[in-house]
Amino acid sequence: YVTGPFANSADMLIGSYYGVSSNLVTILEGI
C-alpha cells in the first residue's frame, strides 16, 4: 500500500531553483 500526500507528487521531487523535465518519476511510479 502506497499512500501519503507526496506519494504521487512531482513537485516533491524538484526542490527550489529547478529545471523542467519530461521524465519526472514519482514514488508511486517507481514502486
PDB file of all heavy atoms in Angstrom:
ATOM      1  N   TYR A   1       0.858  -1.192   0.000  1.00  0.00           N
ATOM      2  CA  TYR A   1       0.000   0.000   0.000  1.00  0.00           C
ATOM      3  C   TYR A   1       0.893   1.239   0.000  1.00  0.00           C
ATOM      4  O   TYR A   1       1.736   1.417   0.881  1.00  0.00           O
ATOM      5  CB  TYR A   1      -0.892  -0.018   1.232  1.00  0.00           C
ATOM      6  CG  TYR A   1      -1.818   1.176   1.412  1.00  0.00           C
ATOM      7  CD1 TYR A   1      -2.380   1.845   0.315  1.00  0.00           C
ATOM      8  CD2 TYR A   1      -2.162   1.626   2.686  1.00  0.00           C
ATOM      9  CE1 TYR A   1      -3.240   2.926   0.490  1.00  0.00           C
ATOM     10  CE2 TYR A   1      -3.022   2.696   2.880  1.00  0.00           C
ATOM     11  CZ  TYR A   1      -3.549   3.343   1.777  1.00  0.00           C
ATOM     12  OH  TYR A   1      -4.414   4.412   1.950  1.00  0.00           O
ATOM     13  N   VAL A   2       0.739   2.078  -0.987  1.00  0.00           N
ATOM     14  CA  VAL A   2       1.472   3.339  -1.082  1.00  0.00           C
ATOM     15  C   VAL A   2       0.503   4.474  -0.819  1.00  0.00           C
ATOM     16  O   VAL A   2      -0.559   4.566  -1.457  1.00  0.00           O
ATOM     17  CB  VAL A   2       2.123   3.507  -2.468  1.00  0.00           C
ATOM     18  CG1 VAL A   2       2.833   4.855  -2.564  1.00  0.00           C
ATOM     19  CG2 VAL A   2       3.104   2.368  -2.737  1.00  0.00           C
ATOM     20  N   THR A   3       0.861   5.348   0.106  1.00  0.00           N
ATOM     21  CA  THR A   3      -0.049   6.419   0.493  1.00  0.00           C
ATOM     22  C   THR A   3       0.741   7.644   0.934  1.00  0.00           C
ATOM     23  O   THR A   3       1.966   7.651   0.922  1.00  0.00           O
ATOM     24  CB  THR A   3      -0.999   5.936   1.616  1.00  0.00           C
ATOM     25  OG1 THR A   3      -1.997   6.926   1.866  1.00  0.00           O
ATOM     26  CG2 THR A   3      -0.242   5.635   2.904  1.00  0.00           C
ATOM     27  N   GLY A   4       0.028   8.678   1.304  1.00  0.00           N
ATOM     28  CA  GLY A   4       0.669   9.913   1.745  1.00  0.00           C
ATOM     29  C   GLY A   4       0.531  11.017   0.713  1.00  0.00           C
ATOM     30  O   GLY A   4       0.384  10.760  -0.482  1.00  0.00           O
ATOM     31  N   PRO A   5       0.601  12.273   1.159  1.00  0.00           N
ATOM     32  CA  PRO A   5       0.336  13.414   0.272  1.00  0.00           C
ATOM     33  C   PRO A   5       1.360  13.590  -0.844  1.00  0.00           C
ATOM     34  O   PRO A   5       1.083  14.286  -1.822  1.00  0.00           O
ATOM     35  CB  PRO A   5       0.360  14.608   1.225  1.00  0.00           C
ATOM     36  CG  PRO A   5       1.170  14.160   2.393  1.00  0.00           C
ATOM     37  CD  PRO A   5       0.884  12.708   2.540  1.00  0.00           C
ATOM     38  N   PHE A   6       2.536  12.969  -0.709  1.00  0.00           N
ATOM     39  CA  PHE A   6       3.564  13.152  -1.734  1.00  0.00           C
ATOM     40  C   PHE A   6       3.932  11.856  -2.443  1.00  0.00           C
ATOM     41  O   PHE A   6       4.936  11.805  -3.158  1.00  0.00           O
ATOM     42  CB  PHE A   6       4.802  13.808  -1.125  1.00  0.00           C
ATOM     43  CG  PHE A   6       4.526  15.189  -0.600  1.00  0.00           C
ATOM     44  CD1 PHE A   6       4.597  15.466   0.750  1.00  0.00           C
ATOM     45  CD2 PHE A   6       4.154  16.207  -1.468  1.00  0.00           C
ATOM     46  CE1 PHE A   6       4.310  16.737   1.235  1.00  0.00           C
ATOM     47  CE2 PHE A   6       3.876  17.483  -0.998  1.00  0.00           C
ATOM     48  CZ  PHE A   6       3.950  17.750   0.357  1.00  0.00           C
ATOM     49  N   ALA A   7       3.131  10.830  -2.261  1.00  0.00           N
ATOM     50  CA  ALA A   7       3.426   9.551  -2.906  1.00  0.00           C
ATOM     51  C   ALA A   7       3.393   9.668  -4.428  1.00  0.00           C
ATOM     52  O   ALA A   7       4.138   8.985  -5.130  1.00  0.00           O
ATOM     53  CB  ALA A   7       2.442   8.484  -2.434  1.00  0.00           C
ATOM     54  N   ASN A   8       2.540  10.535  -4.927  1.00  0.00           N
ATOM     55  CA  ASN A   8       2.419  10.682  -6.381  1.00  0.00           C
ATOM     56  C   ASN A   8       2.687  12.122  -6.804  1.00  0.00           C
ATOM     57  O   ASN A   8       2.121  12.620  -7.769  1.00  0.00           O
ATOM     58  CB  ASN A   8       1.028  10.238  -6.850  1.00  0.00           C
ATOM     59  CG  ASN A   8       0.989   9.958  -8.333  1.00  0.00           C
ATOM     60  OD1 ASN A   8       1.982   9.542  -8.924  1.00  0.00           O
ATOM     61  ND2 ASN A   8      -0.160  10.191  -8.948  1.00  0.00           N
ATOM     62  N   SER A   9       3.592  12.779  -6.072  1.00  0.00           N
ATOM     63  CA  SER A   9       3.857  14.200  -6.311  1.00  0.00           C
ATOM     64  C   SER A   9       5.137  14.396  -7.107  1.00  0.00           C
ATOM     65  O   SER A   9       6.204  13.885  -6.738  1.00  0.00           O
ATOM     66  CB  SER A   9       3.989  14.940  -4.976  1.00  0.00           C
ATOM     67  OG  SER A   9       4.533  16.228  -5.153  1.00  0.00           O
ATOM     68  N   ALA A  10       5.038  15.159  -8.186  1.00  0.00           N
ATOM     69  CA  ALA A  10       6.232  15.559  -8.925  1.00  0.00           C
ATOM     70  C   ALA A  10       6.875  16.785  -8.288  1.00  0.00           C
ATOM     71  O   ALA A  10       8.101  16.951  -8.329  1.00  0.00           O
ATOM     72  CB  ALA A  10       5.880  15.844 -10.378  1.00  0.00           C
ATOM     73  N   ASP A  11       6.066  17.658  -7.677  1.00  0.00           N
ATOM     74  CA  ASP A  11       6.614  18.853  -7.030  1.00  0.00           C
ATOM     75  C   ASP A  11       7.610  18.480  -5.928  1.00  0.00           C
ATOM     76  O   ASP A  11       8.616  19.172  -5.726  1.00  0.00           O
ATOM     77  CB  ASP A  11       5.488  19.695  -6.422  1.00  0.00           C
ATOM     78  CG  ASP A  11       4.814  20.586  -7.453  1.00  0.00           C
ATOM     79  OD1 ASP A  11       5.374  20.737  -8.553  1.00  0.00           O
ATOM     80  OD2 ASP A  11       3.734  21.105  -7.162  1.00  0.00           O
ATOM     81  N   MET A  12       7.310  17.399  -5.214  1.00  0.00           N
ATOM     82  CA  MET A  12       8.185  16.974  -4.124  1.00  0.00           C
ATOM     83  C   MET A  12       9.584  16.591  -4.620  1.00  0.00           C
ATOM     84  O   MET A  12      10.565  16.664  -3.889  1.00  0.00           O
ATOM     85  CB  MET A  12       7.537  15.796  -3.392  1.00  0.00           C
ATOM     86  CG  MET A  12       8.390  15.159  -2.306  1.00  0.00           C
ATOM     87  SD  MET A  12       9.492  13.894  -2.947  1.00  0.00           S
ATOM     88  CE  MET A  12       8.332  12.669  -3.458  1.00  0.00           C
ATOM     89  N   LEU A  13       9.695  16.213  -5.868  1.00  0.00           N
ATOM     90  CA  LEU A  13      10.973  15.749  -6.391  1.00  0.00           C
ATOM     91  C   LEU A  13      11.980  16.877  -6.608  1.00  0.00           C
ATOM     92  O   LEU A  13      13.183  16.652  -6.544  1.00  0.00           O
ATOM     93  CB  LEU A  13      10.763  15.028  -7.735  1.00  0.00           C
ATOM     94  CG  LEU A  13       9.830  13.819  -7.755  1.00  0.00           C
ATOM     95  CD1 LEU A  13       9.625  13.361  -9.203  1.00  0.00           C
ATOM     96  CD2 LEU A  13      10.385  12.681  -6.912  1.00  0.00           C
ATOM     97  N   ILE A  14      11.498  18.088  -6.879  1.00  0.00           N
ATOM     98  CA  ILE A  14      12.362  19.057  -7.542  1.00  0.00           C
ATOM     99  C   ILE A  14      12.947  20.156  -6.666  1.00  0.00           C
ATOM    100  O   ILE A  14      13.892  20.821  -7.065  1.00  0.00           O
ATOM    101  CB  ILE A  14      11.632  19.700  -8.747  1.00  0.00           C
ATOM    102  CG1 ILE A  14      10.348  20.397  -8.311  1.00  0.00           C
ATOM    103  CG2 ILE A  14      11.320  18.652  -9.793  1.00  0.00           C
ATOM    104  CD1 ILE A  14       9.592  21.059  -9.463  1.00  0.00           C
ATOM    105  N   GLY A  15      12.427  20.376  -5.454  1.00  0.00           N
ATOM    106  CA  GLY A  15      13.000  21.408  -4.604  1.00  0.00           C
ATOM    107  C   GLY A  15      12.927  22.785  -5.231  1.00  0.00           C
ATOM    108  O   GLY A  15      12.083  23.065  -6.088  1.00  0.00           O
ATOM    109  N   SER A  16      13.838  23.668  -4.815  1.00  0.00           N
ATOM    110  CA  SER A  16      13.844  25.033  -5.333  1.00  0.00           C
ATOM    111  C   SER A  16      14.872  25.180  -6.445  1.00  0.00           C
ATOM    112  O   SER A  16      15.747  24.346  -6.618  1.00  0.00           O
ATOM    113  CB  SER A  16      14.158  26.016  -4.209  1.00  0.00           C
ATOM    114  OG  SER A  16      15.463  25.780  -3.711  1.00  0.00           O
ATOM    115  N   TYR A  17      14.754  26.271  -7.212  1.00  0.00           N
ATOM    116  CA  TYR A  17      15.663  26.554  -8.324  1.00  0.00           C
ATOM    117  C   TYR A  17      15.791  25.339  -9.240  1.00  0.00           C
ATOM    118  O   TYR A  17      16.871  24.803  -9.442  1.00  0.00           O
ATOM    119  CB  TYR A  17      17.042  26.983  -7.797  1.00  0.00           C
ATOM    120  CG  TYR A  17      17.076  28.414  -7.331  1.00  0.00           C
ATOM    121  CD1 TYR A  17      16.763  28.746  -6.021  1.00  0.00           C
ATOM    122  CD2 TYR A  17      17.406  29.443  -8.201  1.00  0.00           C
ATOM    123  CE1 TYR A  17      16.782  30.067  -5.587  1.00  0.00           C
ATOM    124  CE2 TYR A  17      17.434  30.764  -7.778  1.00  0.00           C
ATOM    125  CZ  TYR A  17      17.116  31.068  -6.466  1.00  0.00           C
ATOM    126  OH  TYR A  17      17.132  32.376  -6.046  1.00  0.00           O
ATOM    127  N   TYR A  18      14.684  24.938  -9.805  1.00  0.00           N
ATOM    128  CA  TYR A  18      14.614  23.696 -10.565  1.00  0.00           C
ATOM    129  C   TYR A  18      14.466  23.941 -12.055  1.00  0.00           C
ATOM    130  O   TYR A  18      14.059  25.002 -12.502  1.00  0.00           O
ATOM    131  CB  TYR A  18      13.420  22.861 -10.083  1.00  0.00           C
ATOM    132  CG  TYR A  18      12.133  23.649 -10.027  1.00  0.00           C
ATOM    133  CD1 TYR A  18      11.329  23.811 -11.150  1.00  0.00           C
ATOM    134  CD2 TYR A  18      11.729  24.270  -8.847  1.00  0.00           C
ATOM    135  CE1 TYR A  18      10.164  24.555 -11.100  1.00  0.00           C
ATOM    136  CE2 TYR A  18      10.565  25.019  -8.782  1.00  0.00           C
ATOM    137  CZ  TYR A  18       9.791  25.158  -9.921  1.00  0.00           C
ATOM    138  OH  TYR A  18       8.637  25.906  -9.877  1.00  0.00           O
ATOM    139  N   GLY A  19      14.798  22.921 -12.822  1.00  0.00           N
ATOM    140  CA  GLY A  19      14.531  22.927 -14.250  1.00  0.00           C
ATOM    141  C   GLY A  19      13.238  22.194 -14.539  1.00  0.00           C
ATOM    142  O   GLY A  19      12.460  21.868 -13.633  1.00  0.00           O
ATOM    143  N   VAL A  20      12.995  21.917 -15.799  1.00  0.00           N
ATOM    144  CA  VAL A  20      11.804  21.147 -16.178  1.00  0.00           C
ATOM    145  C   VAL A  20      12.252  19.929 -16.969  1.00  0.00           C
ATOM    146  O   VAL A  20      13.235  19.961 -17.713  1.00  0.00           O
ATOM    147  CB  VAL A  20      10.796  21.988 -16.998  1.00  0.00           C
ATOM    148  CG1 VAL A  20      10.163  23.047 -16.126  1.00  0.00           C
ATOM    149  CG2 VAL A  20      11.468  22.640 -18.208  1.00  0.00           C
ATOM    150  N   SER A  21      11.526  18.843 -16.765  1.00  0.00           N
ATOM    151  CA  SER A  21      11.880  17.570 -17.382  1.00  0.00           C
ATOM    152  C   SER A  21      10.614  16.868 -17.823  1.00  0.00           C
ATOM    153  O   SER A  21       9.554  17.008 -17.212  1.00  0.00           O
ATOM    154  CB  SER A  21      12.642  16.696 -16.388  1.00  0.00           C
ATOM    155  OG  SER A  21      12.742  15.370 -16.849  1.00  0.00           O
ATOM    156  N   SER A  22      10.753  16.083 -18.865  1.00  0.00           N
ATOM    157  CA  SER A  22       9.620  15.281 -19.348  1.00  0.00           C
ATOM    158  C   SER A  22       9.622  13.899 -18.718  1.00  0.00           C
ATOM    159  O   SER A  22       8.900  13.014 -19.166  1.00  0.00           O
ATOM    160  CB  SER A  22       9.716  15.147 -20.882  1.00  0.00           C
ATOM    161  OG  SER A  22      10.979  14.600 -21.258  1.00  0.00           O
ATOM    162  N   ASN A  23      10.416  13.709 -17.655  1.00  0.00           N
ATOM    163  CA  ASN A  23      10.592  12.367 -17.112  1.00  0.00           C
ATOM    164  C   ASN A  23      10.638  12.393 -15.592  1.00  0.00           C
ATOM    165  O   ASN A  23      11.529  11.815 -14.979  1.00  0.00           O
ATOM    166  CB  ASN A  23      11.883  11.753 -17.673  1.00  0.00           C
ATOM    167  CG  ASN A  23      12.022  10.286 -17.363  1.00  0.00           C
ATOM    168  OD1 ASN A  23      11.034   9.577 -17.274  1.00  0.00           O
ATOM    169  ND2 ASN A  23      13.251   9.826 -17.195  1.00  0.00           N
ATOM    170  N   LEU A  24       9.685  13.065 -14.967  1.00  0.00           N
ATOM    171  CA  LEU A  24       9.627  13.121 -13.510  1.00  0.00           C
ATOM    172  C   LEU A  24       8.977  11.841 -12.981  1.00  0.00           C
ATOM    173  O   LEU A  24       7.788  11.593 -13.210  1.00  0.00           O
ATOM    174  CB  LEU A  24       8.823  14.341 -13.059  1.00  0.00           C
ATOM    175  CG  LEU A  24       9.448  15.705 -13.376  1.00  0.00           C
ATOM    176  CD1 LEU A  24       8.425  16.821 -13.175  1.00  0.00           C
ATOM    177  CD2 LEU A  24      10.665  15.948 -12.504  1.00  0.00           C
ATOM    178  N   VAL A  25       9.752  11.039 -12.264  1.00  0.00           N
ATOM    179  CA  VAL A  25       9.273   9.738 -11.789  1.00  0.00           C
ATOM    180  C   VAL A  25       8.883   9.847 -10.317  1.00  0.00           C
ATOM    181  O   VAL A  25       9.743   9.991  -9.443  1.00  0.00           O
ATOM    182  CB  VAL A  25      10.341   8.650 -11.974  1.00  0.00           C
ATOM    183  CG1 VAL A  25       9.781   7.288 -11.549  1.00  0.00           C
ATOM    184  CG2 VAL A  25      10.820   8.597 -13.423  1.00  0.00           C
ATOM    185  N   THR A  26       7.598   9.787 -10.030  1.00  0.00           N
ATOM    186  CA  THR A  26       7.129   9.889  -8.653  1.00  0.00           C
ATOM    187  C   THR A  26       7.419   8.596  -7.891  1.00  0.00           C
ATOM    188  O   THR A  26       7.741   7.562  -8.474  1.00  0.00           O
ATOM    189  CB  THR A  26       5.628  10.176  -8.600  1.00  0.00           C
ATOM    190  OG1 THR A  26       4.918   9.027  -9.096  1.00  0.00           O
ATOM    191  CG2 THR A  26       5.264  11.399  -9.436  1.00  0.00           C
ATOM    192  N   ILE A  27       7.258   8.649  -6.579  1.00  0.00           N
ATOM    193  CA  ILE A  27       7.480   7.462  -5.748  1.00  0.00           C
ATOM    194  C   ILE A  27       6.508   6.352  -6.152  1.00  0.00           C
ATOM    195  O   ILE A  27       6.900   5.188  -6.280  1.00  0.00           O
ATOM    196  CB  ILE A  27       7.296   7.798  -4.248  1.00  0.00           C
ATOM    197  CG1 ILE A  27       8.123   9.018  -3.849  1.00  0.00           C
ATOM    198  CG2 ILE A  27       7.638   6.583  -3.394  1.00  0.00           C
ATOM    199  CD1 ILE A  27       9.596   8.879  -3.998  1.00  0.00           C
ATOM    200  N   LEU A  28       5.268   6.711  -6.373  1.00  0.00           N
ATOM    201  CA  LEU A  28       4.281   5.711  -6.782  1.00  0.00           C
ATOM    202  C   LEU A  28       4.683   5.051  -8.093  1.00  0.00           C
ATOM    203  O   LEU A  28       4.598   3.821  -8.240  1.00  0.00           O
ATOM    204  CB  LEU A  28       2.901   6.361  -6.918  1.00  0.00           C
ATOM    205  CG  LEU A  28       1.772   5.446  -7.410  1.00  0.00           C
ATOM    206  CD1 LEU A  28       1.543   4.292  -6.444  1.00  0.00           C
ATOM    207  CD2 LEU A  28       0.484   6.250  -7.613  1.00  0.00           C
ATOM    208  N   GLU A  29       5.143   5.847  -9.038  1.00  0.00           N
ATOM    209  CA  GLU A  29       5.551   5.281 -10.327  1.00  0.00           C
ATOM    210  C   GLU A  29       6.762   4.371 -10.179  1.00  0.00           C
ATOM    211  O   GLU A  29       6.841   3.299 -10.796  1.00  0.00           O
ATOM    212  CB  GLU A  29       5.851   6.421 -11.308  1.00  0.00           C
ATOM    213  CG  GLU A  29       4.609   7.173 -11.753  1.00  0.00           C
ATOM    214  CD  GLU A  29       4.928   8.423 -12.541  1.00  0.00           C
ATOM    215  OE1 GLU A  29       5.997   9.026 -12.314  1.00  0.00           O
ATOM    216  OE2 GLU A  29       4.102   8.801 -13.395  1.00  0.00           O
ATOM    217  N   GLY A  30       7.716   4.784  -9.347  1.00  0.00           N
ATOM    218  CA  GLY A  30       8.894   3.955  -9.135  1.00  0.00           C
ATOM    219  C   GLY A  30       8.553   2.622  -8.505  1.00  0.00           C
ATOM    220  O   GLY A  30       9.059   1.565  -8.919  1.00  0.00           O
ATOM    221  N   ILE A  31       7.687   2.644  -7.500  1.00  0.00           N
ATOM    222  CA  ILE A  31       7.278   1.403  -6.840  1.00  0.00           C
ATOM    223  C   ILE A  31       6.457   0.533  -7.785  1.00  0.00           C
ATOM    224  O   ILE A  31       6.610  -0.698  -7.823  1.00  0.00           O
ATOM    225  CB  ILE A  31       6.496   1.724  -5.547  1.00  0.00           C
ATOM    226  CG1 ILE A  31       7.445   2.346  -4.516  1.00  0.00           C
ATOM    227  CG2 ILE A  31       5.820   0.481  -4.991  1.00  0.00           C
ATOM    228  CD1 ILE A  31       6.760   2.851  -3.264  1.00  0.00           C
TER     229      ILE A  31
END
